[in-house]
């Protein structure tokens, strides 16, 4: 056979193999279920959108995933305890609880951002707020030690001349208990993620006085975390989860989807849709998926938690982040 013909046939065969490789479906594995943790906050509405619209199920089906289970947690610390116990594969959670968990042995990495800012300090109706020092002597409910809210609140008070240990009473509670406490007058203020501040204000039980973005401008709040086992054994699945998360976040960020987003949240959490719509309109939060833009803020939290004594040693970027999945998700 003519050598030119043979060369041409070889090139054709190589090209055919390359095309076939590009169009092959994802390889399936023995993993059939993904377990996702989340919290009842508008910060994490992307998870609810992806579940409600069936995007997680649809996008992960080619990888052999037949079941997507999600589990509700009142705040980040108990959610990270569940991840430490190998009960979750993926978590929508505040960055600060991740630090505490990693410092105590959690095998997981932040693979994407979820949102920045979005929490408010709310004072009980009838009390007067004139600045941080006017909080001295008051009882303030927020999430448990090691949470984003607890970390930011304590650091902000300290930076404004208020000793968080001696000058105020900080009580760790889940959002439902904290809302009940301020409604019943058992605490004087709360520092909570949305939608709780809007719900309290809408019911005439308190007034929003400080946004978390005023305490720490552009601070990261929630992040997307994947277990080390999932990262090592099923990297393609992690990349697809990040891609689906980006899609859902972009949907939530689009103001033309406000009513649908509020409706999805309200159904998922048995909430008042008007209050959720109001929360999404007035919060100072932003949906941010790129983990590169939150690195500095997360490392700042690590320093603050070290100074507060929550962790024994500062953590590094490499211990906390795997940026490769976001890069793959955006490039594919």
Protein backbone atom coordinates (compact mmCIF):
# COMPACT_ATOMS: atom_id res chain seq x y z
CA UNK A 1 0.00 0.00 0.00
CA UNK A 2 1.19 3.52 -0.82
CA UNK A 3 2.98 5.05 2.17
CA UNK A 4 0.97 8.25 1.81
CA UNK A 5 -2.28 6.30 1.98
CA UNK A 6 -1.09 4.43 5.07
CA UNK A 7 -0.09 7.71 6.77
CA UNK A 8 -3.47 9.23 5.92
CA UNK A 9 -5.31 6.24 7.33
CA UNK A 10 -3.28 6.43 10.54
CA UNK A 11 -4.05 10.12 10.96
CA UNK A 12 -7.72 9.45 10.33
CA UNK A 13 -7.74 6.69 12.93
CA UNK A 14 -6.05 8.92 15.52
CA UNK A 15 -8.53 11.73 14.84
CA UNK A 16 -11.45 9.32 15.18
CA UNK A 17 -10.16 8.13 18.51
CA UNK A 18 -9.75 11.70 19.75
CA UNK A 19 -13.29 12.61 18.71
CA UNK A 20 -14.66 9.47 20.34
CA UNK A 21 -12.80 10.31 23.52
CA UNK A 22 -14.29 13.81 23.58
CA UNK A 23 -17.85 12.55 23.12
CA UNK A 24 -17.76 9.60 25.49
CA UNK A 25 -20.16 9.84 28.45
CA UNK A 26 -18.65 10.21 31.94
CA UNK A 27 -17.36 7.00 33.44
CA UNK A 28 -19.72 5.56 36.04
CA UNK A 29 -18.55 4.39 39.44
CA UNK A 30 -19.94 2.40 42.34
CA UNK A 31 -21.02 5.65 44.05
CA UNK A 32 -24.79 6.08 43.70
CA UNK A 33 -25.72 8.70 46.31
CA UNK A 34 -24.54 12.22 47.15
CA UNK A 35 -25.38 13.59 50.62
CA UNK A 36 -25.55 17.38 50.89
CA UNK A 37 -25.77 19.48 54.04
CA UNK A 38 -27.38 22.93 54.09
CA UNK A 39 -28.97 25.46 56.45
CA UNK A 40 -32.26 27.42 56.46
CA UNK A 41 -30.73 30.64 55.14
CA UNK A 42 -31.16 32.60 51.92
CA UNK A 43 -27.36 32.53 51.75
CA UNK A 44 -27.66 28.93 50.61
CA UNK A 45 -30.66 29.26 48.31
CA UNK A 46 -28.53 27.99 45.38
CA UNK A 47 -28.64 24.52 46.95
CA UNK A 48 -32.43 24.74 47.21
CA UNK A 49 -32.77 25.92 43.59
CA UNK A 50 -30.58 23.09 42.27
CA UNK A 51 -32.60 20.56 44.27
CA UNK A 52 -36.01 22.03 43.45
CA UNK A 53 -35.32 22.18 39.72
CA UNK A 54 -33.76 18.74 39.68
CA UNK A 55 -30.45 20.06 38.39
CA UNK A 56 -28.29 18.05 40.77
CA UNK A 57 -30.18 14.88 39.88
CA UNK A 58 -30.08 15.57 36.16
CA UNK A 59 -26.44 16.65 36.02
CA UNK A 60 -25.08 13.80 38.16
CA UNK A 61 -27.12 11.00 36.60
CA UNK A 62 -24.52 10.38 33.84
CA UNK A 63 -22.00 9.61 36.60
CA UNK A 64 -24.18 6.85 38.06
CA UNK A 65 -25.69 8.96 40.86
CA UNK A 66 -29.28 7.84 41.40
CA UNK A 67 -30.06 9.62 44.66
CA UNK A 68 -29.36 13.14 45.94
CA UNK A 69 -30.14 13.50 49.65
CA UNK A 70 -29.98 16.82 51.46
CA UNK A 71 -30.00 17.34 55.22
CA UNK A 72 -30.97 20.46 57.14
CA UNK A 73 -28.78 21.81 59.96
CA UNK A 74 -29.54 24.82 62.19
CA UNK A 75 -26.00 26.22 61.82
CA UNK A 76 -22.48 25.39 60.66
CA UNK A 77 -20.89 23.73 63.72
CA UNK A 78 -23.32 20.77 63.89
CA UNK A 79 -23.17 20.46 60.10
CA UNK A 80 -19.39 20.12 60.27
CA UNK A 81 -19.75 17.55 63.06
CA UNK A 82 -21.85 15.50 60.65
CA UNK A 83 -19.16 15.83 57.99
CA UNK A 84 -16.50 14.77 60.48
CA UNK A 85 -18.64 11.68 61.14
CA UNK A 86 -18.64 10.91 57.37
CA UNK A 87 -22.38 11.60 57.09
CA UNK A 88 -22.03 14.22 54.33
CA UNK A 89 -20.21 14.34 51.02
CA UNK A 90 -20.83 18.01 50.29
CA UNK A 91 -21.78 20.94 52.51
CA UNK A 92 -23.11 24.45 52.04
CA UNK A 93 -21.74 26.02 55.20
CA UNK A 94 -20.13 29.13 56.66
CA UNK A 95 -16.37 29.34 56.13
CA UNK A 96 -15.59 29.71 59.84
CA UNK A 97 -16.99 26.33 60.96
CA UNK A 98 -14.91 24.73 58.21
CA UNK A 99 -11.76 26.17 59.81
CA UNK A 100 -12.62 24.76 63.22
CA UNK A 101 -13.44 21.37 61.72
CA UNK A 102 -10.28 21.19 59.56
CA UNK A 103 -8.20 22.17 62.60
CA UNK A 104 -9.67 19.18 64.45
CA UNK A 105 -9.17 16.68 61.64
CA UNK A 106 -11.84 17.18 58.98
CA UNK A 107 -10.70 15.78 55.62
CA UNK A 108 -12.35 18.27 53.24
CA UNK A 109 -11.65 21.30 51.07
CA UNK A 110 -13.46 24.46 50.02
CA UNK A 111 -14.12 24.04 46.29
CA UNK A 112 -16.29 27.11 45.58
CA UNK A 113 -17.70 30.21 47.16
CA UNK A 114 -21.40 30.62 47.95
CA UNK A 115 -21.95 34.18 49.17
CA UNK A 116 -20.43 37.21 50.86
CA UNK A 117 -21.92 39.32 53.69
CA UNK A 118 -25.67 38.89 54.33
CA UNK A 119 -26.05 38.86 58.15
CA UNK A 120 -27.52 41.60 60.35
CA UNK A 121 -27.44 42.75 63.95
CA UNK A 122 -31.02 43.27 65.12
CA UNK A 123 -31.94 45.03 68.36
CA UNK A 124 -35.18 44.37 70.22
CA UNK A 125 -38.01 46.86 69.74
CA UNK A 126 -37.93 49.50 72.48
CA UNK A 127 -34.17 49.52 72.96
CA UNK A 128 -31.96 52.34 71.72
CA UNK A 129 -28.79 51.77 69.70
CA UNK A 130 -26.21 54.57 69.44
CA UNK A 131 -23.12 52.54 68.58
CA UNK A 132 -21.29 49.36 69.62
CA UNK A 133 -20.72 50.54 73.19
CA UNK A 134 -24.48 50.93 73.70
CA UNK A 135 -24.63 47.12 73.55
CA UNK A 136 -22.69 46.79 76.83
CA UNK A 137 -24.76 44.87 79.36
CA UNK A 138 -27.05 43.35 76.75
CA UNK A 139 -27.66 39.71 75.85
CA UNK A 140 -27.02 38.90 72.18
CA UNK A 141 -27.99 35.64 70.52
CA UNK A 142 -25.99 34.41 67.54
CA UNK A 143 -24.78 31.11 66.13
CA UNK A 144 -22.53 28.84 68.18
CA UNK A 145 -18.83 29.49 68.81
CA UNK A 146 -16.80 28.82 65.70
CA UNK A 147 -19.54 30.03 63.34
CA UNK A 148 -19.17 32.96 60.92
CA UNK A 149 -21.59 35.08 62.93
CA UNK A 150 -19.93 34.38 66.27
CA UNK A 151 -16.47 35.05 64.81
CA UNK A 152 -17.41 38.35 63.13
CA UNK A 153 -19.50 39.61 66.06
CA UNK A 154 -16.76 38.99 68.63
CA UNK A 155 -14.07 40.54 66.44
CA UNK A 156 -16.24 43.62 65.68
CA UNK A 157 -17.07 44.16 69.36
CA UNK A 158 -13.40 43.84 70.34
CA UNK A 159 -12.36 46.30 67.62
CA UNK A 160 -14.88 48.79 68.98
CA UNK A 161 -13.78 48.65 72.61
CA UNK A 162 -16.36 46.12 73.82
CA UNK A 163 -15.04 42.97 75.51
CA UNK A 164 -17.11 40.08 74.08
CA UNK A 165 -16.42 38.01 77.18
CA UNK A 166 -17.09 40.56 79.92
CA UNK A 167 -19.17 43.43 78.53
CA UNK A 168 -21.96 41.52 76.77
CA UNK A 169 -23.62 38.14 77.08
CA UNK A 170 -23.25 36.20 73.82
CA UNK A 171 -25.55 33.18 73.63
CA UNK A 172 -25.09 30.47 70.97
CA UNK A 173 -28.37 29.46 69.33
CA UNK A 174 -29.80 28.20 66.07
CA UNK A 175 -31.83 30.70 64.01
CA UNK A 176 -35.24 29.45 65.13
CA UNK A 177 -34.34 29.59 68.82
CA UNK A 178 -32.75 33.03 68.43
CA UNK A 179 -35.82 34.46 66.68
CA UNK A 180 -38.04 33.00 69.41
CA UNK A 181 -35.76 34.44 72.11
CA UNK A 182 -35.84 38.02 70.81
CA UNK A 183 -39.57 37.78 70.12
CA UNK A 184 -40.17 36.71 73.73
CA UNK A 185 -37.80 39.39 75.09
CA UNK A 186 -35.36 36.83 76.48
CA UNK A 187 -32.45 38.39 74.58
CA UNK A 188 -31.86 42.02 73.67
CA UNK A 189 -30.38 41.52 70.21
CA UNK A 190 -29.51 38.88 67.64
CA UNK A 191 -26.85 38.64 64.95
CA UNK A 192 -28.12 36.24 62.31
CA UNK A 193 -27.95 35.48 58.59
CA UNK A 194 -30.91 36.31 56.39
CA UNK A 195 -33.82 35.79 56.24
CA UNK A 196 -34.09 35.90 60.07
CA UNK A 197 -33.39 39.67 60.42
CA UNK A 198 -36.12 40.52 57.91
CA UNK A 199 -38.57 38.14 59.58
CA UNK A 200 -37.97 39.72 63.00
CA UNK A 201 -38.37 43.23 61.61
CA UNK A 202 -41.47 42.33 59.58
CA UNK A 203 -43.13 41.07 62.76
CA UNK A 204 -42.35 44.27 64.66
CA UNK A 205 -40.07 42.55 67.18
CA UNK A 206 -36.81 44.26 66.31
CA UNK A 207 -34.92 46.68 64.09
CA UNK A 208 -31.91 46.00 61.85
CA UNK A 209 -29.10 48.30 63.06
CA UNK A 210 -25.86 47.00 61.52
CA UNK A 211 -25.18 44.92 58.39
CA UNK A 212 -22.33 42.44 58.57
CA UNK A 213 -20.75 44.20 55.59
CA UNK A 214 -20.34 47.25 57.83
CA UNK A 215 -18.58 45.12 60.43
CA UNK A 216 -16.26 43.48 57.88
CA UNK A 217 -16.65 44.78 54.30
CA UNK A 218 -16.92 42.10 51.60
CA UNK A 219 -16.39 39.26 54.08
CA UNK A 220 -17.08 35.78 52.82
CA UNK A 221 -19.86 33.89 54.52
CA UNK A 222 -20.89 30.54 53.08
CA UNK A 223 -18.73 28.21 51.01
CA UNK A 224 -19.13 24.91 49.19
CA UNK A 225 -17.12 22.10 50.77
CA UNK A 226 -16.41 18.63 49.39
CA UNK A 227 -15.07 15.71 51.41
CA UNK A 228 -11.52 14.57 50.79
CA UNK A 229 -12.79 11.10 49.90
CA UNK A 230 -15.10 12.49 47.19
CA UNK A 231 -12.30 14.70 45.86
CA UNK A 232 -9.80 11.86 45.62
CA UNK A 233 -12.09 9.09 44.38
CA UNK A 234 -14.59 11.01 42.24
CA UNK A 235 -13.05 14.28 41.00
CA UNK A 236 -15.34 14.41 37.94
CA UNK A 237 -18.37 14.37 40.21
CA UNK A 238 -16.95 17.22 42.28
CA UNK A 239 -16.39 19.27 39.13
CA UNK A 240 -19.98 18.67 38.03
CA UNK A 241 -21.33 19.62 41.47
CA UNK A 242 -19.44 22.91 41.22
CA UNK A 243 -20.81 23.49 37.68
CA UNK A 244 -24.38 22.90 38.88
CA UNK A 245 -23.77 25.15 41.89
CA UNK A 246 -22.57 27.96 39.61
CA UNK A 247 -25.69 27.59 37.45
CA UNK A 248 -28.00 27.76 40.49
CA UNK A 249 -26.11 30.73 41.96
CA UNK A 250 -26.41 32.66 38.70
CA UNK A 251 -30.15 31.95 38.73
CA UNK A 252 -30.45 33.28 42.30
CA UNK A 253 -28.40 36.40 41.47
CA UNK A 254 -30.63 37.29 38.51
CA UNK A 255 -33.15 39.83 39.82
CA UNK A 256 -35.72 38.73 37.24
CA UNK A 257 -35.86 35.40 39.11
CA UNK A 258 -36.55 37.04 42.50
CA UNK A 259 -40.13 35.80 42.84
CA UNK A 260 -39.27 32.25 41.81
CA UNK A 261 -36.22 32.16 44.09
CA UNK A 262 -38.28 33.42 47.04
CA UNK A 263 -40.95 30.84 46.27
CA UNK A 264 -38.47 27.97 46.17
CA UNK A 265 -36.99 29.02 49.52
CA UNK A 266 -40.44 29.48 51.09
CA UNK A 267 -41.61 26.00 50.00
CA UNK A 268 -38.41 24.32 51.13
CA UNK A 269 -38.51 25.92 54.57
CA UNK A 270 -42.25 26.48 55.15
CA UNK A 271 -41.62 30.23 55.25
CA UNK A 272 -43.66 33.31 54.35
CA UNK A 273 -42.83 34.09 50.73
CA UNK A 274 -43.34 37.86 51.18
CA UNK A 275 -40.82 37.92 54.04
CA UNK A 276 -38.32 35.93 51.97
CA UNK A 277 -38.75 38.28 49.00
CA UNK A 278 -38.16 41.25 51.32
CA UNK A 279 -35.05 39.55 52.75
CA UNK A 280 -33.56 39.01 49.29
CA UNK A 281 -34.25 42.64 48.40
CA UNK A 282 -32.77 44.26 51.50
CA UNK A 283 -29.83 42.05 52.54
CA UNK A 284 -26.30 43.28 51.82
CA UNK A 285 -25.23 39.85 50.55
CA UNK A 286 -23.92 38.81 47.13
CA UNK A 287 -23.81 35.37 45.54
CA UNK A 288 -20.13 34.67 44.82
CA UNK A 289 -18.95 31.32 43.46
CA UNK A 290 -15.28 32.02 42.61
CA UNK A 291 -13.18 30.69 45.52
CA UNK A 292 -10.21 32.82 44.46
CA UNK A 293 -11.91 36.03 45.63
CA UNK A 294 -12.63 34.73 49.14
CA UNK A 295 -9.19 33.35 50.04
CA UNK A 296 -8.02 36.45 51.91
CA UNK A 297 -11.22 36.69 53.95
CA UNK A 298 -11.12 33.01 54.90
CA UNK A 299 -7.47 33.27 55.99
CA UNK A 300 -8.42 36.34 58.03
CA UNK A 301 -11.02 34.20 59.80
CA UNK A 302 -8.31 31.65 60.54
CA UNK A 303 -6.23 34.38 62.19
CA UNK A 304 -9.23 35.67 64.18
CA UNK A 305 -10.15 32.17 65.34
CA UNK A 306 -6.56 31.56 66.39
CA UNK A 307 -6.61 34.81 68.42
CA UNK A 308 -9.96 33.83 69.97
CA UNK A 309 -8.49 30.45 70.94
CA UNK A 310 -10.91 28.46 68.76
CA UNK A 311 -8.07 26.80 66.83
CA UNK A 312 -4.58 25.99 68.07
CA UNK A 313 -2.66 26.99 64.97
CA UNK A 314 -3.35 29.26 61.95
CA UNK A 315 -4.38 27.39 58.81
CA UNK A 316 -2.96 27.84 55.31
CA UNK A 317 -4.60 28.21 51.91
CA UNK A 318 -3.44 24.75 50.85
CA UNK A 319 -5.03 23.19 53.93
CA UNK A 320 -8.38 24.84 53.20
CA UNK A 321 -8.85 25.22 49.43
CA UNK A 322 -8.79 23.18 46.24
CA UNK A 323 -9.23 25.73 43.44
CA UNK A 324 -8.88 23.22 40.61
CA UNK A 325 -12.52 22.17 40.49
CA UNK A 326 -13.78 25.71 39.96
CA UNK A 327 -11.22 26.19 37.19
CA UNK A 328 -12.36 22.97 35.49
CA UNK A 329 -16.03 23.84 35.92
CA UNK A 330 -15.57 27.25 34.30
CA UNK A 331 -13.43 25.96 31.44
CA UNK A 332 -15.58 22.98 30.45
